C-alpha cells in the first residue's frame, strides 16, 4: 500500500485502511501488546495505539506488556494502565480470552511476546501486526502492516493510523508517544534513516501539542545512581574492543547486574554507548539471564547483524540493529559470536605466536630453537603485517580515500600540491604535523619538526613520504608499525606495534648544496 503524506510511504505488506478501520469498528474488546524487555519504540507504540483507539473506538481497551513497562518510560501517557504479563498473568490471560481483536506492535513473531505468547497464539480473536522488522511471521496475523525500511514502529503507526482515521486521530497523547518511539529507535535521528519520511513525521508530530525538548530531556535524563554506576563499570571492565576487526563485545553476567542492583530493562541504551566508539562498526552485547542468554547487535556500515543474529541464534531484526536469544551456555554463546566475527585469532608479536589466517602461515607454538625459532619469528611478523594491512585497508575504505602505496607499505594521499622545491635526499625539511593512532587516539597535535631527508630513523615510512612532497604540500600518511616505531614505540606516547596516521604540511625545504 502506498500513502501520499507529503511523501510516499511504501508498506511492504498489502493491507487497506478500509480493512483496518472495519476490524477496529467491529471489535468490542481489544488487547494491545508489544515485545518483551520493551524499549521506547515498543512502549511508545503501545501507549500511542491506546490513545488513538480511545479517540476513535468504543471498544474496551487493554494494553499489556510481557514484563511490564520499564521505569524510565513511566512518564509516557497511559503507562499506568499497562498490565504486567509476569505479575498480572491471570488478568492478562482473561483479557486475551475475552478479546475479539489483538493488536501486536514491534514484534516480528508472537514468540517475542514472552509469557503472553501461548495465550495470544491460542486466542480466536483476529490479530493485527504493526512492525518494521524484516520477514514478519504472517501466519500468526490476519492483517500485517509492515515496512522494514521505515525508522520505527511508531513512525509506521503514525502514517498508517493517519491514513485510516485521519490526522485528527493523532491526539497530543498519541503524538507524544509516537515522537518518543521515533527518537529512541533512531538514536534521536543519529542512526541510518534511509527514508525522508521519518523527518516529515517528526516535523508533523512536533506541531501536535507536544514539547520535543521536554521529550528529549525525559528520554536522556532517566538514570538511577545504580544504573549510571553500572554503565561505567560495564564500559570500563566488561567491554572488549578489537580495532583490527572494527568490533566490540560486551559480556554481562547475572552476578554483574546483581552486584549493582540493576534489572535487564535498565540496560537499554548500553550498546548505543559502545557504538559511539568511532573504530567500532559492529558491537554485540551478550547478557546472561536465568535460563537463556540474550544478545543485542548493532552495526554502522559493514556488518549485517540481522543475518548474523538469524544464522547464529535464530534471532533477527534489521541490517543495522538486531536481537537474538541463545539457549547455549554463556561461554558457548560468547565463543560462537567471537568465532563468527573472527575474534578468536590471536596475534602476538613474540616468539610463541598462534594464529589462524587464510592466507598467512600458522605459527608453531611449540618451544623452538635455532632455525625453527627464527622461522617462527618471521612467520609472526608476517601475521602482524597482514593484520595491519587489513586494518589500514579498512580504515582507508571507510573514508573513501585514494592513497598511493609507497615502498615498505606506508600510504600517502596528497591533499594539496605545493609549488615550492621538491624534497630531495639530505635536504633539510621543516614540517607541521598532527599524529593519531589508527583507532583515533590523538598522540601529538600541531607540532613542528625539522629533519634531514633520508636520515629519519626509525620512521622510514615518514621519510619515504616526505621525499615525494614539495614545499607547501599537505598530505595524509598512514604508517604501518614496522615503518614507524615498531615494537619499541617512542618511549612516550607511541606504544608498541602502533599504526600511525599523520596529517602533515611541508613548510620549508632547504635544498642541499651540491659539492
Protein backbone atom coordinates (compact mmCIF):
# COMPACT_ATOMS: atom_id res chain seq x y z
CA UNK A 1 0.00 0.00 0.00
CA UNK A 2 1.26 3.49 -0.83
CA UNK A 3 0.26 6.52 1.18
CA UNK A 4 0.77 10.06 -0.04
CA UNK A 5 1.54 12.22 3.00
CA UNK A 6 3.85 14.85 1.54
CA UNK A 7 5.98 11.79 0.92
CA UNK A 8 5.41 8.33 -0.47
CA UNK A 9 5.39 5.67 2.24
CA UNK A 10 5.52 2.20 0.73
CA UNK A 11 4.26 -0.52 3.05
CA UNK A 12 5.63 -3.89 2.02
CA UNK A 13 2.68 -6.00 3.17
CA UNK A 14 -0.62 -5.49 1.41
CA UNK A 15 -3.35 -4.05 3.60
CA UNK A 16 -6.03 -1.43 3.29
CA UNK A 17 -7.17 1.38 5.53
CA UNK A 18 -10.73 0.17 4.99
CA UNK A 19 -9.90 -3.31 6.30
CA UNK A 20 -8.17 -1.93 9.39
CA UNK A 21 -10.98 0.53 10.04
CA UNK A 22 -13.54 -2.28 9.74
CA UNK A 23 -11.67 -4.56 12.14
CA UNK A 24 -11.39 -1.81 14.75
CA UNK A 25 -15.02 -0.79 14.25
CA UNK A 26 -16.30 -4.35 14.73
CA UNK A 27 -14.28 -5.01 17.89
CA UNK A 28 -15.80 -4.91 21.37
CA UNK A 29 -12.65 -5.81 23.32
CA UNK A 30 -9.15 -5.00 22.06
CA UNK A 31 -5.90 -6.24 23.58
CA UNK A 32 -2.68 -4.43 22.61
CA UNK A 33 0.84 -5.63 23.30
CA UNK A 34 4.50 -5.43 22.23
CA UNK A 35 7.70 -7.35 22.81
CA UNK A 36 9.43 -8.47 25.99
CA UNK A 37 12.03 -6.12 27.51
CA UNK A 38 10.10 -3.23 25.97
CA UNK A 39 12.04 -0.22 24.69
CA UNK A 40 10.92 3.26 23.69
CA UNK A 41 9.50 2.15 20.35
CA UNK A 42 7.52 -0.69 21.93
CA UNK A 43 6.09 1.37 24.79
CA UNK A 44 5.57 4.37 22.51
CA UNK A 45 3.67 2.20 20.01
CA UNK A 46 1.54 0.65 22.73
CA UNK A 47 0.56 3.87 24.50
CA UNK A 48 0.05 5.73 21.21
CA UNK A 49 -2.26 2.98 19.95
CA UNK A 50 -4.23 3.17 23.20
CA UNK A 51 -4.60 6.94 22.84
CA UNK A 52 -5.66 6.72 19.18
CA UNK A 53 -8.17 3.92 19.72
CA UNK A 54 -9.64 5.62 22.78
CA UNK A 55 -10.43 8.51 20.42
CA UNK A 56 -11.90 6.51 17.51
CA UNK A 57 -13.34 3.37 19.13
CA UNK A 58 -15.83 2.49 21.88
CA UNK A 59 -14.24 -0.92 22.48
CA UNK A 60 -12.75 -1.99 25.79
CA UNK A 61 -9.00 -1.41 25.53
CA UNK A 62 -6.40 -3.43 27.45
CA UNK A 63 -2.70 -2.62 26.96
CA UNK A 64 -0.20 -5.14 28.31
CA UNK A 65 3.49 -6.00 28.14
CA UNK A 66 5.16 -9.36 28.86
CA UNK A 67 7.25 -7.93 31.71
CA UNK A 68 5.66 -4.54 32.24
CA UNK A 69 6.77 -1.06 31.41
CA UNK A 70 10.37 -0.14 32.26
CA UNK A 71 10.71 2.54 34.91
CA UNK A 72 12.46 5.00 32.62
CA UNK A 73 9.37 5.20 30.36
CA UNK A 74 6.69 5.56 33.03
CA UNK A 75 6.41 9.27 32.20
CA UNK A 76 4.66 8.42 28.92
CA UNK A 77 0.85 8.76 28.84
CA UNK A 78 -1.26 5.75 29.88
CA UNK A 79 1.65 3.63 31.14
CA UNK A 80 -0.25 3.30 34.44
CA UNK A 81 -2.82 1.20 32.54
CA UNK A 82 -0.32 -1.34 31.17
CA UNK A 83 -0.71 -4.82 32.65
CA UNK A 84 2.43 -6.79 33.53
CA UNK A 85 2.36 -10.25 31.96
CA UNK A 86 4.50 -11.76 34.70
CA UNK A 87 2.97 -10.07 37.74
CA UNK A 88 -0.63 -9.93 36.49
CA UNK A 89 -0.76 -13.13 34.47
CA UNK A 90 -4.38 -14.00 35.36
CA UNK A 91 -5.66 -10.57 34.32
CA UNK A 92 -3.72 -10.76 31.06
CA UNK A 93 -4.92 -14.25 30.26
CA UNK A 94 -8.54 -13.29 30.94
CA UNK A 95 -8.30 -10.14 28.80
CA UNK A 96 -6.82 -12.13 25.89
CA UNK A 97 -9.56 -14.77 26.18
CA UNK A 98 -12.27 -12.08 26.06
CA UNK A 99 -10.71 -10.07 23.22
CA UNK A 100 -12.09 -10.16 19.70
CA UNK A 101 -9.17 -8.13 18.31
CA UNK A 102 -5.49 -8.33 19.25
CA UNK A 103 -3.03 -5.70 18.03
CA UNK A 104 0.66 -6.57 18.30
CA UNK A 105 3.37 -3.97 17.76
CA UNK A 106 7.10 -4.01 17.19
CA UNK A 107 7.32 -7.82 17.05
CA UNK A 108 8.08 -9.92 14.00
CA UNK A 109 6.59 -13.04 15.62
CA UNK A 110 4.38 -13.83 18.63
CA UNK A 111 7.31 -15.67 20.20
CA UNK A 112 8.75 -12.25 21.09
CA UNK A 113 5.83 -11.60 23.43
CA UNK A 114 7.36 -13.81 26.12
CA UNK A 115 4.92 -15.10 28.75
CA UNK A 116 1.96 -13.82 26.71
CA UNK A 117 2.84 -15.85 23.60
CA UNK A 118 0.91 -19.04 24.38
CA UNK A 119 -2.31 -17.19 25.24
CA UNK A 120 -2.01 -14.98 22.16
CA UNK A 121 -1.48 -18.00 19.91
CA UNK A 122 -4.47 -19.81 21.43
CA UNK A 123 -6.79 -16.82 21.05
CA UNK A 124 -9.60 -17.00 18.46
CA UNK A 125 -9.55 -13.20 18.07
CA UNK A 126 -8.47 -11.50 14.88
CA UNK A 127 -4.88 -10.34 15.04
CA UNK A 128 -3.21 -7.27 13.54
CA UNK A 129 0.53 -6.60 13.41
CA UNK A 130 2.30 -3.23 13.12
CA UNK A 131 6.01 -3.88 12.68
CA UNK A 132 9.15 -2.66 10.92
CA UNK A 133 11.32 -5.76 11.22
CA UNK A 134 12.38 -7.99 8.35
CA UNK A 135 10.18 -11.00 7.47
CA UNK A 136 7.28 -10.76 9.95
CA UNK A 137 5.52 -14.06 10.70
CA UNK A 138 2.35 -13.66 8.60
CA UNK A 139 0.92 -16.97 9.75
CA UNK A 140 0.00 -15.51 13.14
CA UNK A 141 -1.90 -12.47 11.84
CA UNK A 142 -4.97 -11.59 9.84
CA UNK A 143 -3.58 -8.21 8.78
CA UNK A 144 0.06 -7.10 8.66
CA UNK A 145 1.23 -3.51 8.30
CA UNK A 146 4.97 -3.65 7.72
CA UNK A 147 7.89 -1.78 6.19
CA UNK A 148 11.43 -2.78 7.24
CA UNK A 149 12.84 0.37 5.65
CA UNK A 150 10.88 2.65 7.96
CA UNK A 151 12.60 4.08 11.04
CA UNK A 152 10.39 2.64 13.78
CA UNK A 153 7.05 1.06 14.55
CA UNK A 154 5.96 4.41 15.96
CA UNK A 155 6.55 6.09 12.61
CA UNK A 156 4.71 3.26 10.87
CA UNK A 157 1.71 3.74 13.19
CA UNK A 158 1.72 7.48 12.56
CA UNK A 159 1.37 7.08 8.80
CA UNK A 160 -0.97 4.06 8.89
CA UNK A 161 -3.38 5.39 11.52
CA UNK A 162 -3.39 8.81 9.87
CA UNK A 163 -4.44 7.16 6.62
CA UNK A 164 -7.05 5.05 8.39
CA UNK A 165 -8.66 7.54 10.77
CA UNK A 166 -7.31 10.90 9.64
CA UNK A 167 -4.72 13.21 11.18
CA UNK A 168 -7.22 14.28 13.85
CA UNK A 169 -6.89 10.82 15.40
CA UNK A 170 -3.29 11.62 16.39
CA UNK A 171 -4.23 13.43 19.60
CA UNK A 172 -1.47 15.01 21.76
CA UNK A 173 -1.03 11.94 23.99
CA UNK A 174 -0.53 9.78 20.89
CA UNK A 175 1.82 12.32 19.33
CA UNK A 176 3.97 12.37 22.48
CA UNK A 177 4.31 8.59 22.50
CA UNK A 178 4.97 8.35 18.75
CA UNK A 179 7.61 11.08 18.82
CA UNK A 180 9.30 9.31 21.74
CA UNK A 181 9.42 5.96 19.91
CA UNK A 182 10.85 7.58 16.79
CA UNK A 183 13.53 9.34 18.83
CA UNK A 184 14.61 6.25 20.76
CA UNK A 185 14.68 3.93 17.75
CA UNK A 186 16.71 6.38 15.66
CA UNK A 187 19.05 7.49 18.44
CA UNK A 188 17.48 10.94 18.14
CA UNK A 189 17.91 10.77 14.35
CA UNK A 190 21.59 9.73 14.52
CA UNK A 191 21.19 6.23 13.07
CA UNK A 192 20.87 5.37 9.41
CA UNK A 193 17.48 6.62 8.19
CA UNK A 194 17.02 5.80 4.53
CA UNK A 195 13.65 7.46 4.08
CA UNK A 196 12.90 11.13 4.48
CA UNK A 197 9.50 10.13 5.90
CA UNK A 198 10.93 9.94 9.43
CA UNK A 199 11.82 13.64 9.38
CA UNK A 200 8.46 14.58 7.91
CA UNK A 201 6.66 12.53 10.57
CA UNK A 202 8.73 14.10 13.35
CA UNK A 203 8.06 17.58 11.98
CA UNK A 204 4.30 17.00 11.91
CA UNK A 205 4.24 15.40 15.37
CA UNK A 206 6.19 18.33 16.82
CA UNK A 207 3.25 20.59 15.86
CA UNK A 208 0.61 18.41 17.54
CA UNK A 209 0.71 19.82 21.04
CA UNK A 210 3.91 18.22 22.29
CA UNK A 211 7.21 19.59 23.60
CA UNK A 212 10.07 17.87 21.72
CA UNK A 213 12.73 19.37 24.01
CA UNK A 214 10.98 18.01 27.10
CA UNK A 215 10.63 14.59 25.48
CA UNK A 216 14.33 14.56 24.65
CA UNK A 217 15.14 15.51 28.24
CA UNK A 218 12.88 12.75 29.58
CA UNK A 219 14.49 10.17 27.29
CA UNK A 220 18.05 11.03 28.30
CA UNK A 221 17.79 12.05 31.96
CA UNK A 222 16.33 8.89 33.48
CA UNK A 223 19.33 7.20 35.10
CA UNK A 224 19.31 5.98 38.67
CA UNK A 225 22.58 6.08 40.58
CA UNK A 226 22.93 2.30 40.31
CA UNK A 227 22.26 2.30 36.58
CA UNK A 228 24.80 5.05 35.95
CA UNK A 229 27.42 3.25 38.03
CA UNK A 230 26.73 0.01 36.19
CA UNK A 231 27.15 1.67 32.80
CA UNK A 232 30.51 2.99 33.97
CA UNK A 233 31.52 -0.44 35.26
CA UNK A 234 30.40 -2.17 32.07
CA UNK A 235 32.25 0.25 29.78
CA UNK A 236 35.46 0.12 31.82
CA UNK A 237 35.56 -3.54 32.86
CA UNK A 238 33.31 -5.63 30.61
CA UNK A 239 33.94 -4.11 27.18
CA UNK A 240 36.35 -5.81 24.77
CA UNK A 241 37.32 -3.75 21.71
CA UNK A 242 39.04 -5.24 18.66
CA UNK A 243 40.09 -2.30 16.44
CA UNK A 244 41.62 -4.56 13.83
CA UNK A 245 38.19 -6.15 13.32
CA UNK A 246 36.21 -2.95 13.97
CA UNK A 247 34.27 -4.95 16.54
CA UNK A 248 33.35 -4.79 20.21
CA UNK A 249 31.87 -7.39 22.52
CA UNK A 250 30.41 -6.82 25.98
CA UNK A 251 29.54 -9.82 28.16
CA UNK A 252 27.31 -9.25 31.20
CA UNK A 253 26.82 -11.98 33.78
CA UNK A 254 23.87 -12.19 36.18
CA UNK A 255 26.20 -11.56 39.08
CA UNK A 256 27.33 -8.27 37.49
CA UNK A 257 23.76 -7.00 37.44
CA UNK A 258 23.03 -8.29 40.93
CA UNK A 259 26.08 -6.51 42.30
CA UNK A 260 24.73 -3.18 41.08
CA UNK A 261 21.04 -3.99 41.67
CA UNK A 262 20.01 -3.28 38.08
CA UNK A 263 17.32 -5.01 36.00
CA UNK A 264 17.55 -6.15 32.41
CA UNK A 265 15.31 -3.27 31.32
CA UNK A 266 17.87 -0.81 32.68
CA UNK A 267 20.45 -1.97 30.16
CA UNK A 268 18.54 -0.25 27.36
CA UNK A 269 20.93 2.13 25.62
CA UNK A 270 24.13 0.50 26.86
CA UNK A 271 25.02 -0.92 23.45
CA UNK A 272 24.48 2.54 21.95
CA UNK A 273 27.25 3.85 24.20
CA UNK A 274 29.57 1.22 22.73
CA UNK A 275 28.61 2.31 19.21
CA UNK A 276 29.91 5.80 19.95
CA UNK A 277 33.43 4.39 19.51
CA UNK A 278 34.44 5.51 16.05
CA UNK A 279 36.68 2.48 15.44
CA UNK A 280 33.76 0.09 16.04
CA UNK A 281 31.49 -0.93 13.17
CA UNK A 282 29.82 -3.90 14.89
CA UNK A 283 29.00 -4.30 18.59
CA UNK A 284 27.44 -7.26 20.38
CA UNK A 285 26.10 -7.11 23.92
CA UNK A 286 25.68 -10.57 25.45
CA UNK A 287 23.60 -10.76 28.64
CA UNK A 288 23.13 -13.81 30.85
CA UNK A 289 19.62 -14.50 32.17
CA UNK A 290 18.21 -17.32 34.30
CA UNK A 291 17.51 -19.83 31.53
CA UNK A 292 18.92 -18.21 28.41
CA UNK A 293 21.37 -15.69 27.01
CA UNK A 294 20.12 -12.53 25.30
CA UNK A 295 22.05 -10.73 22.58
CA UNK A 296 21.76 -7.20 21.21
CA UNK A 297 23.63 -6.46 17.99
CA UNK A 298 24.34 -3.15 16.29
CA UNK A 299 26.23 -2.10 13.16
CA UNK A 300 27.13 1.15 11.42
CA UNK A 301 28.11 0.25 7.85
CA UNK A 302 29.69 -3.07 7.01
CA UNK A 303 28.05 -5.81 9.09
CA UNK A 304 24.55 -7.20 8.52
CA UNK A 305 23.63 -8.01 12.12
CA UNK A 306 20.17 -9.26 11.10
CA UNK A 307 21.86 -12.00 9.08
CA UNK A 308 24.28 -12.65 11.92
CA UNK A 309 21.51 -12.96 14.53
CA UNK A 310 19.35 -15.20 12.36
CA UNK A 311 22.14 -17.52 11.23
CA UNK A 312 23.73 -17.95 14.65
CA UNK A 313 20.79 -17.97 17.05
CA UNK A 314 17.50 -17.82 15.12
CA UNK A 315 17.18 -14.14 16.01
CA UNK A 316 16.56 -11.21 13.73
CA UNK A 317 15.72 -7.56 13.31
CA UNK A 318 17.30 -5.11 10.91
CA UNK A 319 20.52 -4.92 8.96
CA UNK A 320 21.89 -2.41 11.48
CA UNK A 321 20.07 -3.48 14.67
CA UNK A 322 19.03 -6.96 15.73
CA UNK A 323 18.44 -9.19 18.72
CA UNK A 324 18.62 -12.87 19.48
CA UNK A 325 18.20 -15.46 22.21
CA UNK A 326 20.71 -18.24 22.79
CA UNK A 327 19.96 -21.40 24.75
CA UNK A 328 23.64 -22.30 24.85
CA UNK A 329 25.71 -21.56 27.93
CA UNK A 330 27.13 -18.07 28.28
CA UNK A 331 30.64 -19.30 27.47
CA UNK A 332 29.46 -21.19 24.37
CA UNK A 333 27.44 -18.20 23.18
CA UNK A 334 30.40 -15.86 23.53
CA UNK A 335 32.66 -18.32 21.71
CA UNK A 336 30.18 -18.64 18.84
CA UNK A 337 29.91 -14.85 18.44
CA UNK A 338 33.66 -14.35 18.53
CA UNK A 339 34.23 -17.15 16.04
CA UNK A 340 31.77 -15.53 13.66
CA UNK A 341 33.48 -12.15 13.99
CA UNK A 342 36.93 -13.70 13.68
CA UNK A 343 37.96 -12.51 17.13
CA UNK A 344 39.50 -15.77 18.27
CA UNK A 345 42.52 -15.08 16.05
CA UNK A 346 45.31 -14.24 18.48
CA UNK A 347 48.15 -12.10 17.16
CA UNK A 348 51.15 -11.85 19.45
CA UNK A 349 54.40 -10.24 18.45
CA UNK A 350 56.51 -12.68 20.40
CA UNK A 351 58.46 -15.85 19.79
CA UNK A 352 55.43 -18.02 20.50
CA UNK A 353 52.60 -16.90 18.20
CA UNK A 354 49.48 -18.85 17.35
CA UNK A 355 47.16 -17.64 14.62
CA UNK A 356 44.56 -18.92 12.18
CA UNK A 357 44.50 -16.97 8.94
CA UNK A 358 43.53 -17.99 5.42
CA UNK A 359 46.48 -16.54 3.56
CA UNK A 360 49.34 -16.47 6.07
CA UNK A 361 51.19 -19.39 7.64
CA UNK A 362 50.22 -20.75 11.05
CA UNK A 363 52.98 -20.37 13.59
CA UNK A 364 54.02 -23.39 15.58
CA UNK A 365 53.60 -22.76 19.32
CA UNK A 366 55.99 -25.47 20.45
CA UNK A 367 59.25 -24.38 22.08
CA UNK A 368 61.73 -23.68 19.33
CA UNK A 369 65.42 -23.14 18.92
CA UNK A 370 67.81 -22.06 16.20
CA UNK A 371 66.37 -22.05 12.70
CA UNK A 372 62.90 -23.07 13.95
CA UNK A 373 62.76 -20.07 16.32
CA UNK A 374 63.95 -17.79 13.52
CA UNK A 375 61.27 -19.16 11.18
CA UNK A 376 58.57 -18.70 13.83
CA UNK A 377 59.58 -15.10 14.37
CA UNK A 378 59.49 -14.46 10.63
CA UNK A 379 56.03 -16.03 10.45
CA UNK A 380 54.88 -13.94 13.42
CA UNK A 381 55.99 -10.77 11.68
CA UNK A 382 54.13 -11.85 8.54
CA UNK A 383 50.95 -12.33 10.56
CA UNK A 384 51.32 -8.93 12.18
CA UNK A 385 51.99 -7.28 8.82
CA UNK A 386 48.92 -8.98 7.35
CA UNK A 387 46.74 -7.82 10.25
CA UNK A 388 47.99 -4.25 9.92
CA UNK A 389 47.38 -4.28 6.17
CA UNK A 390 43.78 -5.35 6.83
CA UNK A 391 43.28 -2.57 9.37
CA UNK A 392 44.76 0.05 7.05
CA UNK A 393 42.73 -1.08 4.05
CA UNK A 394 39.54 -0.97 6.12
CA UNK A 395 40.42 2.47 7.53
CA UNK A 396 41.01 3.85 4.02
CA UNK A 397 37.89 2.24 2.59
CA UNK A 398 35.62 3.69 5.29
CA UNK A 399 36.83 7.17 4.46
CA UNK A 400 36.83 6.76 0.70
CA UNK A 401 40.44 7.92 0.44
CA UNK A 402 42.56 7.31 -2.66
CA UNK A 403 46.02 6.58 -1.31
CA UNK A 404 49.27 5.63 -3.00
CA UNK A 405 51.28 2.77 -1.56
CA UNK A 406 54.97 3.54 -1.06
CA UNK A 407 57.84 1.07 -0.91
CA UNK A 408 57.72 -0.52 2.53
CA UNK A 409 53.96 -0.25 2.93
CA UNK A 410 53.35 3.37 4.00
CA UNK A 411 50.37 5.04 2.31
CA UNK A 412 50.11 8.66 1.19
CA UNK A 413 47.41 10.93 -0.18
CA UNK A 414 48.39 14.44 -1.22
CA UNK A 415 45.57 16.84 -0.30
CA UNK A 416 47.33 19.98 -1.54
CA UNK A 417 50.14 20.14 -4.08
CA UNK A 418 52.82 22.63 -3.06
CA UNK A 419 54.59 24.80 -5.63
CA UNK A 420 57.95 25.04 -3.86
CA UNK A 421 61.06 22.91 -4.31
CA UNK A 422 60.63 19.16 -4.01
CA UNK A 423 62.26 17.36 -1.09
CA UNK A 424 65.44 15.58 -2.09
CA UNK A 425 67.95 13.34 -0.36
CA UNK A 426 69.65 15.10 2.60
CA UNK A 427 67.58 18.27 2.16
CA UNK A 428 66.64 19.99 5.40
CA UNK A 429 62.84 19.80 5.71
CA UNK A 430 60.57 21.62 8.15
CA UNK A 431 57.04 20.36 8.53
CA UNK A 432 53.95 20.70 10.72
CA UNK A 433 52.02 17.59 11.72
CA UNK A 434 49.14 16.04 13.66
CA UNK A 435 49.62 12.41 14.70
CA UNK A 436 46.96 9.86 15.68
CA UNK A 437 46.81 6.13 16.29
CA UNK A 438 44.64 4.32 13.76
CA UNK A 439 41.96 3.93 16.44
CA UNK A 440 41.62 7.72 16.60
CA UNK A 441 43.62 8.40 19.75
CA UNK A 442 45.40 11.74 19.34
CA UNK A 443 49.11 11.33 20.08
CA UNK A 444 50.69 14.65 19.09
CA UNK A 445 48.80 17.69 17.84
CA UNK A 446 50.01 20.71 15.87
CA UNK A 447 53.72 20.07 16.33
CA UNK A 448 56.59 21.20 14.11
CA UNK A 449 59.88 19.47 13.35
CA UNK A 450 62.94 19.90 11.14
CA UNK A 451 64.69 16.81 9.79
CA UNK A 452 67.20 15.76 7.16
CA UNK A 453 65.52 13.75 4.44
CA UNK A 454 66.95 10.27 4.05
CA UNK A 455 68.06 10.11 7.68
CA UNK A 456 64.78 9.68 9.58
CA UNK A 457 65.10 6.74 11.92
CA UNK A 458 63.18 4.70 12.84
CA UNK A 459 60.29 6.29 10.91
CA UNK A 460 61.26 5.05 7.44
CA UNK A 461 57.71 5.38 6.16
CA UNK A 462 57.56 9.05 7.09
CA UNK A 463 60.93 9.60 5.43
CA UNK A 464 59.68 7.96 2.22
CA UNK A 465 56.51 10.06 2.30
CA UNK A 466 58.40 13.35 2.78
CA UNK A 467 60.58 12.63 -0.23
CA UNK A 468 57.51 12.57 -2.50
CA UNK A 469 56.41 16.09 -1.48
CA UNK A 470 57.26 19.67 -2.31
CA UNK A 471 57.36 22.78 -0.16
CA UNK A 472 53.79 23.87 0.60
CA UNK A 473 52.35 20.38 0.12
CA UNK A 474 49.83 18.87 2.51
CA UNK A 475 49.29 15.13 2.83
CA UNK A 476 47.79 12.34 4.86
CA UNK A 477 50.18 9.49 5.60
CA UNK A 478 49.49 6.10 7.19
CA UNK A 479 52.47 4.28 8.69
CA UNK A 480 52.40 0.54 9.49
CA UNK A 481 54.16 -0.05 12.78
CA UNK A 482 57.20 -1.55 11.00
CA UNK A 483 57.54 1.73 9.06
CA UNK A 484 57.16 3.80 12.25
CA UNK A 485 58.29 2.90 15.77
CA UNK A 486 57.81 -0.89 15.63
CA UNK A 487 57.83 -2.96 18.79
CA UNK A 488 59.66 -0.39 20.91
CA UNK A 489 57.40 2.64 20.44
CA UNK A 490 58.90 6.06 21.14
CA UNK A 491 59.17 5.55 24.89
CA UNK A 492 56.44 8.14 25.41
CA UNK A 493 53.01 8.23 23.78
CA UNK A 494 53.58 5.90 20.86
CA UNK A 495 53.15 2.35 22.08
CA UNK A 496 54.40 -0.96 20.74
CA UNK A 497 53.12 -2.01 17.31
CA UNK A 498 51.10 1.18 16.82
CA UNK A 499 49.82 2.08 13.34
CA UNK A 500 50.08 5.85 12.89
CA UNK A 501 48.04 8.32 10.85
CA UNK A 502 49.85 11.59 10.13
CA UNK A 503 48.30 14.79 8.78
CA UNK A 504 51.26 16.87 7.65
CA UNK A 505 52.29 20.04 5.82
CA UNK A 506 55.78 20.73 4.43
CA UNK A 507 56.51 24.33 5.41
CA UNK A 508 60.13 24.74 4.26
CA UNK A 509 62.66 22.89 2.11
CA UNK A 510 66.32 23.94 2.29
CA UNK A 511 67.97 22.28 -0.65
CA UNK A 512 71.32 20.55 -0.10
CA UNK A 513 74.18 22.41 -1.64
CA UNK A 514 75.88 20.15 -4.14
CA UNK A 515 79.62 19.91 -3.82
